[in-house]
Amino acid sequence: MSPGARMRLSELLHETVYDAEARPIGRVHDARLVQDGPLQGLAGAAFRVDALLVGRSAVGIRLGFHRGHMRGPWLLRVFFERLARHVRVVTWDDVAAWDDGGVRLRVRVDELPALTAER
């Protein structure tokens, strides 16, 4: 499927992501959406995928521990922040193809930015 095709986000989550050299870099754990597409009646503008969060672990991301304002047990916060260092942000423009074999990128893993804490 081409990056411009219509899809359901649930079809993309948990897919394995490969960099330009066909090395697996992790799985899709989350997506950042932007609501700037064509108008969809009363729902407003359509959403589009802006970026994917890719890595080995997603528990801390799903719980929001990568966000700087997250409070909670400091030990869990530190643990999940360290895990989030290995999460990469893949812009949708960096996606070359997506099919049953996973998501293939145009760039190498070392060209992707790491997820940083949102303050």
N, C-alpha and C. Protein backbone atom coordinates (compact mmCIF):
# COMPACT_ATOMS: atom_id res chain seq x y z
N MET A 1 0.85 -1.17 0.00
CA MET A 1 0.00 0.00 0.00
C MET A 1 0.90 1.24 0.00
N SER A 2 0.55 2.21 -0.78
CA SER A 2 1.37 3.41 -0.85
C SER A 2 1.07 4.30 0.35
N PRO A 3 2.03 5.15 0.75
CA PRO A 3 1.83 6.02 1.90
C PRO A 3 0.65 6.97 1.76
N GLY A 4 0.18 7.25 0.56
CA GLY A 4 -0.93 8.17 0.36
C GLY A 4 -2.30 7.50 0.37
N ALA A 5 -2.34 6.19 0.47
CA ALA A 5 -3.61 5.45 0.40
C ALA A 5 -4.39 5.59 1.70
N ARG A 6 -5.71 5.37 1.60
CA ARG A 6 -6.55 5.39 2.80
C ARG A 6 -6.30 4.12 3.60
N MET A 7 -6.39 4.26 4.92
CA MET A 7 -6.15 3.11 5.78
C MET A 7 -6.82 3.33 7.13
N ARG A 8 -6.85 2.28 7.89
CA ARG A 8 -7.26 2.37 9.29
C ARG A 8 -5.98 2.32 10.12
N LEU A 9 -5.93 3.15 11.12
CA LEU A 9 -4.74 3.19 11.96
C LEU A 9 -4.47 1.84 12.62
N SER A 10 -5.53 1.11 12.95
CA SER A 10 -5.35 -0.20 13.57
C SER A 10 -4.60 -1.17 12.67
N GLU A 11 -4.66 -0.96 11.36
CA GLU A 11 -3.92 -1.82 10.43
C GLU A 11 -2.43 -1.55 10.48
N LEU A 12 -2.06 -0.35 10.89
CA LEU A 12 -0.66 0.07 10.90
C LEU A 12 0.02 -0.22 12.23
N LEU A 13 -0.72 -0.15 13.32
CA LEU A 13 -0.13 -0.38 14.63
C LEU A 13 0.42 -1.79 14.75
N HIS A 14 1.56 -1.91 15.37
CA HIS A 14 2.26 -3.17 15.63
C HIS A 14 2.97 -3.74 14.40
N GLU A 15 2.91 -3.03 13.27
CA GLU A 15 3.66 -3.49 12.09
C GLU A 15 5.16 -3.31 12.34
N THR A 16 5.96 -4.23 11.83
CA THR A 16 7.41 -4.10 11.93
C THR A 16 7.88 -3.05 10.93
N VAL A 17 8.84 -2.23 11.35
CA VAL A 17 9.37 -1.16 10.52
C VAL A 17 10.82 -1.50 10.15
N TYR A 18 11.14 -1.33 8.86
CA TYR A 18 12.48 -1.61 8.33
C TYR A 18 13.06 -0.33 7.77
N ASP A 19 14.34 -0.08 8.05
CA ASP A 19 14.96 1.13 7.51
C ASP A 19 15.35 0.91 6.04
N ALA A 20 16.00 1.89 5.43
CA ALA A 20 16.34 1.84 4.01
C ALA A 20 17.29 0.69 3.68
N GLU A 21 18.00 0.17 4.68
CA GLU A 21 18.91 -0.95 4.47
C GLU A 21 18.26 -2.28 4.87
N ALA A 22 16.94 -2.28 5.00
CA ALA A 22 16.13 -3.47 5.32
C ALA A 22 16.41 -4.03 6.72
N ARG A 23 16.93 -3.20 7.61
CA ARG A 23 17.15 -3.62 9.00
C ARG A 23 15.89 -3.33 9.80
N PRO A 24 15.41 -4.30 10.59
CA PRO A 24 14.23 -4.03 11.44
C PRO A 24 14.62 -3.07 12.56
N ILE A 25 13.81 -2.04 12.78
CA ILE A 25 14.13 -1.07 13.82
C ILE A 25 13.11 -1.07 14.95
N GLY A 26 12.06 -1.87 14.83
CA GLY A 26 11.05 -1.95 15.87
C GLY A 26 9.66 -2.04 15.27
N ARG A 27 8.68 -1.80 16.11
CA ARG A 27 7.28 -1.86 15.68
C ARG A 27 6.64 -0.49 15.85
N VAL A 28 5.57 -0.28 15.09
CA VAL A 28 4.79 0.95 15.23
C VAL A 28 3.99 0.84 16.52
N HIS A 29 4.22 1.77 17.46
CA HIS A 29 3.50 1.74 18.73
C HIS A 29 2.46 2.84 18.83
N ASP A 30 2.64 3.90 18.08
CA ASP A 30 1.70 5.01 18.15
C ASP A 30 1.87 5.86 16.90
N ALA A 31 0.93 6.75 16.70
CA ALA A 31 0.98 7.65 15.55
C ALA A 31 0.59 9.05 16.01
N ARG A 32 1.19 10.03 15.38
CA ARG A 32 0.80 11.41 15.61
C ARG A 32 -0.06 11.84 14.43
N LEU A 33 -1.24 12.32 14.75
CA LEU A 33 -2.20 12.72 13.72
C LEU A 33 -2.32 14.23 13.69
N VAL A 34 -2.62 14.75 12.50
CA VAL A 34 -2.86 16.18 12.30
C VAL A 34 -4.21 16.30 11.62
N GLN A 35 -5.04 17.20 12.09
CA GLN A 35 -6.37 17.38 11.51
C GLN A 35 -6.34 18.57 10.55
N ASP A 36 -5.84 18.31 9.35
CA ASP A 36 -5.74 19.39 8.37
C ASP A 36 -6.15 18.94 6.96
N GLY A 37 -6.87 17.85 6.88
CA GLY A 37 -7.31 17.31 5.59
C GLY A 37 -8.57 17.99 5.09
N PRO A 38 -9.16 17.42 4.06
CA PRO A 38 -10.39 17.99 3.50
C PRO A 38 -11.54 17.90 4.51
N LEU A 39 -12.49 18.80 4.39
CA LEU A 39 -13.63 18.81 5.29
C LEU A 39 -14.45 17.54 5.13
N GLN A 40 -14.90 16.99 6.27
CA GLN A 40 -15.67 15.75 6.31
C GLN A 40 -17.04 16.02 6.93
N GLY A 41 -17.77 16.94 6.39
CA GLY A 41 -19.10 17.26 6.92
C GLY A 41 -19.01 17.88 8.29
N LEU A 42 -19.83 17.41 9.22
CA LEU A 42 -19.87 17.96 10.57
C LEU A 42 -18.64 17.59 11.40
N ALA A 43 -17.92 16.58 10.99
CA ALA A 43 -16.75 16.12 11.74
C ALA A 43 -15.57 17.07 11.60
N GLY A 44 -15.62 18.00 10.67
CA GLY A 44 -14.50 18.92 10.47
C GLY A 44 -13.50 18.35 9.49
N ALA A 45 -12.29 18.82 9.59
CA ALA A 45 -11.23 18.39 8.67
C ALA A 45 -10.83 16.95 8.96
N ALA A 46 -10.43 16.24 7.91
CA ALA A 46 -9.97 14.85 8.05
C ALA A 46 -8.60 14.82 8.74
N PHE A 47 -8.34 13.71 9.40
CA PHE A 47 -7.03 13.50 10.03
C PHE A 47 -6.09 12.85 9.04
N ARG A 48 -4.80 13.11 9.22
CA ARG A 48 -3.77 12.41 8.45
C ARG A 48 -2.63 12.03 9.39
N VAL A 49 -1.93 10.98 9.05
CA VAL A 49 -0.79 10.55 9.86
C VAL A 49 0.38 11.48 9.57
N ASP A 50 0.90 12.10 10.62
CA ASP A 50 2.05 12.99 10.49
C ASP A 50 3.35 12.26 10.79
N ALA A 51 3.32 11.38 11.82
CA ALA A 51 4.53 10.66 12.21
C ALA A 51 4.15 9.37 12.93
N LEU A 52 5.08 8.44 12.94
CA LEU A 52 4.93 7.18 13.65
C LEU A 52 5.95 7.13 14.78
N LEU A 53 5.58 6.53 15.89
CA LEU A 53 6.52 6.28 16.98
C LEU A 53 6.89 4.81 16.90
N VAL A 54 8.17 4.54 16.69
CA VAL A 54 8.66 3.20 16.39
C VAL A 54 9.74 2.81 17.40
N GLY A 55 9.64 1.60 17.92
CA GLY A 55 10.66 1.12 18.82
C GLY A 55 10.36 -0.27 19.32
N ARG A 56 11.10 -0.68 20.34
CA ARG A 56 10.96 -2.02 20.88
C ARG A 56 9.88 -2.09 21.95
N SER A 57 9.74 -1.06 22.75
CA SER A 57 8.80 -1.09 23.87
C SER A 57 7.83 0.07 23.79
N ALA A 58 6.59 -0.16 24.20
CA ALA A 58 5.58 0.89 24.09
C ALA A 58 4.79 1.13 25.36
N VAL A 59 5.02 0.37 26.39
CA VAL A 59 4.20 0.50 27.59
C VAL A 59 4.30 1.91 28.16
N GLY A 60 5.50 2.43 28.31
CA GLY A 60 5.68 3.77 28.87
C GLY A 60 5.08 4.85 27.99
N ILE A 61 5.15 4.67 26.67
CA ILE A 61 4.58 5.64 25.75
C ILE A 61 3.07 5.65 25.89
N ARG A 62 2.47 4.48 25.93
CA ARG A 62 1.02 4.40 26.07
C ARG A 62 0.53 5.00 27.39
N LEU A 63 1.35 4.92 28.41
CA LEU A 63 0.99 5.49 29.70
C LEU A 63 1.34 6.97 29.80
N GLY A 64 2.03 7.50 28.79
CA GLY A 64 2.36 8.92 28.77
C GLY A 64 3.61 9.30 29.53
N PHE A 65 4.45 8.34 29.90
CA PHE A 65 5.63 8.65 30.68
C PHE A 65 6.71 9.37 29.87
N HIS A 66 6.59 9.43 28.55
CA HIS A 66 7.57 10.18 27.76
C HIS A 66 7.26 11.66 27.77
N ARG A 67 6.12 12.04 28.30
CA ARG A 67 5.72 13.45 28.37
C ARG A 67 6.33 14.06 29.64
N GLY A 68 6.89 15.22 29.49
CA GLY A 68 7.59 15.87 30.60
C GLY A 68 6.70 16.20 31.78
N HIS A 69 5.42 16.45 31.56
CA HIS A 69 4.53 16.84 32.65
C HIS A 69 3.94 15.64 33.39
N MET A 70 4.30 14.44 32.98
CA MET A 70 3.74 13.24 33.62
C MET A 70 4.27 13.12 35.05
N ARG A 71 3.37 12.96 35.96
CA ARG A 71 3.72 12.75 37.35
C ARG A 71 3.53 11.27 37.66
N GLY A 72 3.98 10.87 38.78
CA GLY A 72 3.81 9.48 39.17
C GLY A 72 5.03 9.02 39.93
N PRO A 73 5.09 7.77 40.22
CA PRO A 73 6.26 7.25 40.94
C PRO A 73 7.54 7.56 40.16
N TRP A 74 8.48 8.21 40.79
CA TRP A 74 9.68 8.66 40.10
C TRP A 74 10.45 7.48 39.50
N LEU A 75 10.44 6.35 40.15
CA LEU A 75 11.16 5.20 39.63
C LEU A 75 10.57 4.73 38.30
N LEU A 76 9.25 4.68 38.21
CA LEU A 76 8.61 4.31 36.94
C LEU A 76 8.88 5.37 35.87
N ARG A 77 8.81 6.64 36.26
CA ARG A 77 9.05 7.71 35.31
C ARG A 77 10.46 7.60 34.71
N VAL A 78 11.46 7.41 35.57
CA VAL A 78 12.84 7.29 35.10
C VAL A 78 13.00 6.05 34.21
N PHE A 79 12.42 4.94 34.64
CA PHE A 79 12.51 3.70 33.87
C PHE A 79 11.93 3.87 32.47
N PHE A 80 10.70 4.41 32.39
CA PHE A 80 10.05 4.55 31.09
C PHE A 80 10.69 5.65 30.24
N GLU A 81 11.22 6.70 30.85
CA GLU A 81 11.93 7.72 30.07
C GLU A 81 13.17 7.12 29.42
N ARG A 82 13.85 6.24 30.14
CA ARG A 82 15.03 5.59 29.55
C ARG A 82 14.64 4.67 28.40
N LEU A 83 13.55 3.95 28.55
CA LEU A 83 13.08 3.10 27.45
C LEU A 83 12.70 3.95 26.23
N ALA A 84 12.13 5.11 26.47
CA ALA A 84 11.67 5.98 25.38
C ALA A 84 12.84 6.52 24.57
N ARG A 85 14.04 6.52 25.12
CA ARG A 85 15.22 6.98 24.35
C ARG A 85 15.44 6.15 23.10
N HIS A 86 14.96 4.92 23.11
CA HIS A 86 15.15 4.03 21.97
C HIS A 86 14.02 4.12 20.96
N VAL A 87 13.03 4.93 21.25
CA VAL A 87 11.91 5.13 20.34
C VAL A 87 12.29 6.18 19.30
N ARG A 88 12.00 5.91 18.05
CA ARG A 88 12.31 6.82 16.96
C ARG A 88 11.02 7.42 16.41
N VAL A 89 11.13 8.66 15.96
CA VAL A 89 10.02 9.36 15.34
C VAL A 89 10.22 9.29 13.83
N VAL A 90 9.27 8.67 13.14
CA VAL A 90 9.34 8.50 11.69
C VAL A 90 8.27 9.39 11.07
N THR A 91 8.69 10.43 10.35
CA THR A 91 7.69 11.25 9.68
C THR A 91 7.07 10.44 8.54
N TRP A 92 5.84 10.74 8.21
CA TRP A 92 5.15 9.98 7.17
C TRP A 92 5.86 10.15 5.83
N ASP A 93 6.56 11.28 5.63
CA ASP A 93 7.33 11.48 4.40
C ASP A 93 8.48 10.49 4.27
N ASP A 94 8.95 9.92 5.39
CA ASP A 94 10.04 8.95 5.37
C ASP A 94 9.57 7.54 5.06
N VAL A 95 8.26 7.32 4.98
CA VAL A 95 7.71 5.99 4.68
C VAL A 95 7.71 5.80 3.17
N ALA A 96 8.42 4.76 2.72
CA ALA A 96 8.46 4.45 1.29
C ALA A 96 7.30 3.55 0.88
N ALA A 97 6.99 2.56 1.72
CA ALA A 97 5.92 1.62 1.39
C ALA A 97 5.44 0.94 2.66
N TRP A 98 4.22 0.44 2.57
CA TRP A 98 3.62 -0.30 3.68
C TRP A 98 2.77 -1.40 3.08
N ASP A 99 3.05 -2.65 3.48
CA ASP A 99 2.30 -3.79 2.97
C ASP A 99 2.30 -4.89 4.03
N ASP A 100 1.92 -6.10 3.64
CA ASP A 100 1.86 -7.21 4.58
C ASP A 100 3.21 -7.54 5.20
N GLY A 101 4.28 -7.12 4.54
CA GLY A 101 5.63 -7.39 5.05
C GLY A 101 6.12 -6.35 6.04
N GLY A 102 5.36 -5.31 6.28
CA GLY A 102 5.75 -4.27 7.23
C GLY A 102 5.84 -2.90 6.57
N VAL A 103 6.45 -1.99 7.31
CA VAL A 103 6.63 -0.62 6.86
C VAL A 103 8.08 -0.45 6.44
N ARG A 104 8.30 0.04 5.23
CA ARG A 104 9.65 0.25 4.72
C ARG A 104 9.92 1.74 4.60
N LEU A 105 11.11 2.14 5.08
CA LEU A 105 11.46 3.55 5.11
C LEU A 105 12.43 3.93 4.01
N ARG A 106 12.50 5.22 3.74
CA ARG A 106 13.45 5.77 2.76
C ARG A 106 14.79 6.11 3.42
N VAL A 107 14.83 6.10 4.74
CA VAL A 107 16.01 6.54 5.48
C VAL A 107 16.55 5.42 6.35
N ARG A 108 17.82 5.60 6.79
CA ARG A 108 18.44 4.65 7.72
C ARG A 108 18.03 5.02 9.14
N VAL A 109 18.12 4.06 10.03
CA VAL A 109 17.72 4.27 11.42
C VAL A 109 18.51 5.39 12.07
N ASP A 110 19.79 5.54 11.73
CA ASP A 110 20.60 6.59 12.36
C ASP A 110 20.24 8.00 11.87
N GLU A 111 19.37 8.09 10.88
CA GLU A 111 18.90 9.40 10.39
C GLU A 111 17.61 9.84 11.08
N LEU A 112 17.03 8.94 11.88
CA LEU A 112 15.76 9.24 12.54
C LEU A 112 15.98 9.86 13.90
N PRO A 113 15.19 10.89 14.24
CA PRO A 113 15.34 11.49 15.58
C PRO A 113 14.74 10.60 16.65
N ALA A 114 15.31 10.68 17.82
CA ALA A 114 14.77 9.97 18.98
C ALA A 114 13.60 10.75 19.54
N LEU A 115 12.71 10.05 20.20
CA LEU A 115 11.60 10.70 20.89
C LEU A 115 12.16 11.46 22.07
N THR A 116 11.81 12.72 22.18
CA THR A 116 12.28 13.53 23.31
C THR A 116 11.12 13.81 24.23
N ALA A 117 11.43 14.03 25.48
CA ALA A 117 10.38 14.33 26.46
C ALA A 117 9.70 15.65 26.09
N GLU A 118 8.40 15.65 26.11
CA GLU A 118 7.64 16.86 25.83
C GLU A 118 7.47 17.62 27.13
N ARG A 119 7.98 18.79 27.18
CA ARG A 119 7.93 19.59 28.42
C ARG A 119 6.86 20.63 28.34
